[in-house]
């Protein structure tokens, strides 16, 4: 369900979270550890920077760091940086549509709310700990 951009962006954030407090990581280091093309990753990091999820420093020891602690960033923060606030397709219905067809909108709104609530509850620190402990985690 998530776009490739959001998936790669999440991978980049996970790399930065794993390196949190140890200084900046260069894009090529993140790209090689996550199997993401470096040029594409640089575009994604730029989007994450505009979303104020990462900060960039230039120079010999430059690179990227998280702009907040891993326990202050959620998966939803990353998804919205790439997808915006709406993540499911909602059918457009005519105002004068019969009541039985209006139920579709209710179903999609409810499903989207549940997905947003779930992704908003997933802190990057929790995702990182789950990955480190090899526990199974379900993503959409």
C-alpha atoms as a PDB file:
ATOM      1  CA  UNK A   1       0.000   0.000   0.000  1.00  0.00           C
ATOM      2  CA  UNK A   2       2.851   2.389   0.662  1.00  0.00           C
ATOM      3  CA  UNK A   3       4.666   3.863  -2.292  1.00  0.00           C
ATOM      4  CA  UNK A   4       8.258   2.910  -2.962  1.00  0.00           C
ATOM      5  CA  UNK A   5       9.236   6.460  -1.966  1.00  0.00           C
ATOM      6  CA  UNK A   6       7.629   6.060   1.465  1.00  0.00           C
ATOM      7  CA  UNK A   7       9.193   2.619   1.927  1.00  0.00           C
ATOM      8  CA  UNK A   8      12.680   3.868   1.030  1.00  0.00           C
ATOM      9  CA  UNK A   9      12.131   6.974   3.179  1.00  0.00           C
ATOM     10  CA  UNK A  10      11.219   4.762   6.119  1.00  0.00           C
ATOM     11  CA  UNK A  11      14.369   2.701   5.539  1.00  0.00           C
ATOM     12  CA  UNK A  12      16.463   5.871   5.564  1.00  0.00           C
ATOM     13  CA  UNK A  13      14.873   7.047   8.813  1.00  0.00           C
ATOM     14  CA  UNK A  14      15.491   3.617  10.391  1.00  0.00           C
ATOM     15  CA  UNK A  15      19.189   3.846   9.415  1.00  0.00           C
ATOM     16  CA  UNK A  16      19.440   7.314  10.901  1.00  0.00           C
ATOM     17  CA  UNK A  17      17.651   6.164  14.064  1.00  0.00           C
ATOM     18  CA  UNK A  18      20.080   3.251  14.454  1.00  0.00           C
ATOM     19  CA  UNK A  19      22.922   5.766  14.209  1.00  0.00           C
ATOM     20  CA  UNK A  20      21.222   8.401  16.409  1.00  0.00           C
ATOM     21  CA  UNK A  21      23.630  10.257  18.695  1.00  0.00           C
ATOM     22  CA  UNK A  22      26.720   9.119  16.779  1.00  0.00           C
ATOM     23  CA  UNK A  23      26.934  11.982  14.301  1.00  0.00           C
ATOM     24  CA  UNK A  24      25.789  12.408  10.726  1.00  0.00           C
ATOM     25  CA  UNK A  25      25.481   9.616   8.167  1.00  0.00           C
ATOM     26  CA  UNK A  26      26.258  10.249   4.538  1.00  0.00           C
ATOM     27  CA  UNK A  27      23.668   9.406   1.914  1.00  0.00           C
ATOM     28  CA  UNK A  28      25.913   6.793   0.315  1.00  0.00           C
ATOM     29  CA  UNK A  29      26.264   4.985   3.670  1.00  0.00           C
ATOM     30  CA  UNK A  30      22.502   4.875   4.118  1.00  0.00           C
ATOM     31  CA  UNK A  31      21.982   3.839   0.498  1.00  0.00           C
ATOM     32  CA  UNK A  32      24.424   0.946   0.690  1.00  0.00           C
ATOM     33  CA  UNK A  33      23.054  -0.348   4.010  1.00  0.00           C
ATOM     34  CA  UNK A  34      19.451  -0.188   2.799  1.00  0.00           C
ATOM     35  CA  UNK A  35      19.866  -1.271  -0.811  1.00  0.00           C
ATOM     36  CA  UNK A  36      18.569   2.020  -2.191  1.00  0.00           C
ATOM     37  CA  UNK A  37      20.109   3.817  -5.198  1.00  0.00           C
ATOM     38  CA  UNK A  38      22.075   6.764  -3.785  1.00  0.00           C
ATOM     39  CA  UNK A  39      20.771   9.382  -6.254  1.00  0.00           C
ATOM     40  CA  UNK A  40      17.185   8.384  -5.525  1.00  0.00           C
ATOM     41  CA  UNK A  41      17.864   8.372  -1.788  1.00  0.00           C
ATOM     42  CA  UNK A  42      19.251  11.908  -1.964  1.00  0.00           C
ATOM     43  CA  UNK A  43      15.936  13.076  -3.462  1.00  0.00           C
ATOM     44  CA  UNK A  44      14.051  11.320  -0.684  1.00  0.00           C
ATOM     45  CA  UNK A  45      16.307  12.778   1.999  1.00  0.00           C
ATOM     46  CA  UNK A  46      15.605  16.195   0.525  1.00  0.00           C
ATOM     47  CA  UNK A  47      11.867  15.562   0.972  1.00  0.00           C
ATOM     48  CA  UNK A  48      12.445  14.367   4.530  1.00  0.00           C
ATOM     49  CA  UNK A  49      14.446  17.520   5.202  1.00  0.00           C
ATOM     50  CA  UNK A  50      11.593  19.692   3.884  1.00  0.00           C
ATOM     51  CA  UNK A  51       9.246  17.746   6.179  1.00  0.00           C
ATOM     52  CA  UNK A  52      11.649  18.613   9.037  1.00  0.00           C
ATOM     53  CA  UNK A  53      12.335  14.980   9.877  1.00  0.00           C
ATOM     54  CA  UNK A  54      16.053  15.122   9.059  1.00  0.00           C
ATOM     55  CA  UNK A  55      18.745  17.773   9.087  1.00  0.00           C
ATOM     56  CA  UNK A  56      21.655  17.984   6.688  1.00  0.00           C
ATOM     57  CA  UNK A  57      25.163  19.236   7.326  1.00  0.00           C
ATOM     58  CA  UNK A  58      27.762  19.894   4.662  1.00  0.00           C
ATOM     59  CA  UNK A  59      31.457  19.335   4.630  1.00  0.00           C
ATOM     60  CA  UNK A  60      33.918  16.538   5.139  1.00  0.00           C
ATOM     61  CA  UNK A  61      32.111  15.161   8.188  1.00  0.00           C
ATOM     62  CA  UNK A  62      28.679  16.130   6.921  1.00  0.00           C
ATOM     63  CA  UNK A  63      25.651  14.028   6.293  1.00  0.00           C
ATOM     64  CA  UNK A  64      22.180  13.540   7.694  1.00  0.00           C
ATOM     65  CA  UNK A  65      20.809  13.217  11.217  1.00  0.00           C
ATOM     66  CA  UNK A  66      17.305  12.956  12.603  1.00  0.00           C
ATOM     67  CA  UNK A  67      15.852  16.319  13.549  1.00  0.00           C
ATOM     68  CA  UNK A  68      14.078  14.736  16.530  1.00  0.00           C
ATOM     69  CA  UNK A  69      14.657  11.736  18.775  1.00  0.00           C
ATOM     70  CA  UNK A  70      13.531   8.360  17.344  1.00  0.00           C
ATOM     71  CA  UNK A  71      10.808   8.143  19.999  1.00  0.00           C
ATOM     72  CA  UNK A  72       9.351  11.449  18.749  1.00  0.00           C
ATOM     73  CA  UNK A  73       8.983  10.408  15.096  1.00  0.00           C
ATOM     74  CA  UNK A  74       6.180   8.133  13.943  1.00  0.00           C
ATOM     75  CA  UNK A  75       5.763   6.040  10.825  1.00  0.00           C
ATOM     76  CA  UNK A  76       2.822   8.329   9.977  1.00  0.00           C
ATOM     77  CA  UNK A  77       5.194  11.349   9.969  1.00  0.00           C
ATOM     78  CA  UNK A  78       7.228   9.641   7.267  1.00  0.00           C
ATOM     79  CA  UNK A  79       4.250   8.467   5.257  1.00  0.00           C
ATOM     80  CA  UNK A  80       2.755  11.971   5.169  1.00  0.00           C
ATOM     81  CA  UNK A  81       6.087  13.409   4.026  1.00  0.00           C
ATOM     82  CA  UNK A  82       5.677  11.372   0.825  1.00  0.00           C
ATOM     83  CA  UNK A  83       1.979  10.559   0.486  1.00  0.00           C
ATOM     84  CA  UNK A  84       0.197  13.485   2.078  1.00  0.00           C
ATOM     85  CA  UNK A  85      -2.627  13.031   4.582  1.00  0.00           C
ATOM     86  CA  UNK A  86      -4.944  10.831   2.487  1.00  0.00           C
ATOM     87  CA  UNK A  87      -3.724   7.296   1.983  1.00  0.00           C
ATOM     88  CA  UNK A  88      -6.745   5.364   0.776  1.00  0.00           C
ATOM     89  CA  UNK A  89      -8.889   5.971  -2.255  1.00  0.00           C
ATOM     90  CA  UNK A  90     -12.315   7.124  -1.254  1.00  0.00           C
ATOM     91  CA  UNK A  91     -15.096   6.748  -3.788  1.00  0.00           C
ATOM     92  CA  UNK A  92     -16.781   9.955  -4.828  1.00  0.00           C
ATOM     93  CA  UNK A  93     -20.517   9.718  -4.484  1.00  0.00           C
ATOM     94  CA  UNK A  94     -23.213  11.998  -5.717  1.00  0.00           C
ATOM     95  CA  UNK A  95     -24.972  14.076  -3.071  1.00  0.00           C
ATOM     96  CA  UNK A  96     -28.278  12.553  -4.103  1.00  0.00           C
ATOM     97  CA  UNK A  97     -26.917   8.969  -4.079  1.00  0.00           C
ATOM     98  CA  UNK A  98     -29.138   6.334  -2.461  1.00  0.00           C
ATOM     99  CA  UNK A  99     -28.290   5.514   1.187  1.00  0.00           C
ATOM    100  CA  UNK A 100     -27.055   1.998   0.346  1.00  0.00           C
ATOM    101  CA  UNK A 101     -24.230   3.446  -1.779  1.00  0.00           C
ATOM    102  CA  UNK A 102     -23.236   5.993   0.866  1.00  0.00           C
ATOM    103  CA  UNK A 103     -22.108   3.138   3.108  1.00  0.00           C
ATOM    104  CA  UNK A 104     -18.996   2.817   0.936  1.00  0.00           C
ATOM    105  CA  UNK A 105     -17.747   6.214   2.058  1.00  0.00           C
ATOM    106  CA  UNK A 106     -18.259   5.254   5.686  1.00  0.00           C
ATOM    107  CA  UNK A 107     -16.269   2.047   5.219  1.00  0.00           C
ATOM    108  CA  UNK A 108     -13.344   3.803   3.536  1.00  0.00           C
ATOM    109  CA  UNK A 109     -13.279   6.665   6.064  1.00  0.00           C
ATOM    110  CA  UNK A 110     -13.292   4.192   8.950  1.00  0.00           C
ATOM    111  CA  UNK A 111     -10.563   2.043   7.377  1.00  0.00           C
ATOM    112  CA  UNK A 112      -8.398   5.085   6.709  1.00  0.00           C
ATOM    113  CA  UNK A 113      -8.826   6.317  10.289  1.00  0.00           C
ATOM    114  CA  UNK A 114      -7.726   2.932  11.662  1.00  0.00           C
ATOM    115  CA  UNK A 115      -4.654   2.869   9.401  1.00  0.00           C
ATOM    116  CA  UNK A 116      -3.722   6.437  10.387  1.00  0.00           C
ATOM    117  CA  UNK A 117      -4.195   5.652  14.091  1.00  0.00           C
ATOM    118  CA  UNK A 118      -1.968   2.587  13.769  1.00  0.00           C
ATOM    119  CA  UNK A 119       0.802   4.342  11.827  1.00  0.00           C
ATOM    120  CA  UNK A 120       0.623   7.303  14.222  1.00  0.00           C
ATOM    121  CA  UNK A 121       1.145   4.964  17.162  1.00  0.00           C
ATOM    122  CA  UNK A 122       4.302   3.385  15.706  1.00  0.00           C
ATOM    123  CA  UNK A 123       7.319   5.288  16.977  1.00  0.00           C
ATOM    124  CA  UNK A 124      10.549   4.847  15.028  1.00  0.00           C
ATOM    125  CA  UNK A 125      12.282   3.789  18.249  1.00  0.00           C
ATOM    126  CA  UNK A 126       9.789   0.927  18.602  1.00  0.00           C
ATOM    127  CA  UNK A 127      10.242  -0.126  14.975  1.00  0.00           C
ATOM    128  CA  UNK A 128      14.022  -0.108  15.449  1.00  0.00           C
ATOM    129  CA  UNK A 129      13.838  -2.186  18.646  1.00  0.00           C
ATOM    130  CA  UNK A 130      11.501  -4.656  16.964  1.00  0.00           C
ATOM    131  CA  UNK A 131      13.887  -5.020  14.037  1.00  0.00           C
ATOM    132  CA  UNK A 132      16.850  -5.509  16.384  1.00  0.00           C
ATOM    133  CA  UNK A 133      15.052  -8.208  18.353  1.00  0.00           C
ATOM    134  CA  UNK A 134      13.871 -10.005  15.196  1.00  0.00           C
ATOM    135  CA  UNK A 135      10.263  -9.889  16.381  1.00  0.00           C
ATOM    136  CA  UNK A 136       7.629 -10.017  13.695  1.00  0.00           C
ATOM    137  CA  UNK A 137       6.085  -6.647  12.943  1.00  0.00           C
ATOM    138  CA  UNK A 138       3.233  -6.042  10.578  1.00  0.00           C
ATOM    139  CA  UNK A 139       3.284  -3.129   8.193  1.00  0.00           C
ATOM    140  CA  UNK A 140       0.703  -2.190   5.658  1.00  0.00           C
END
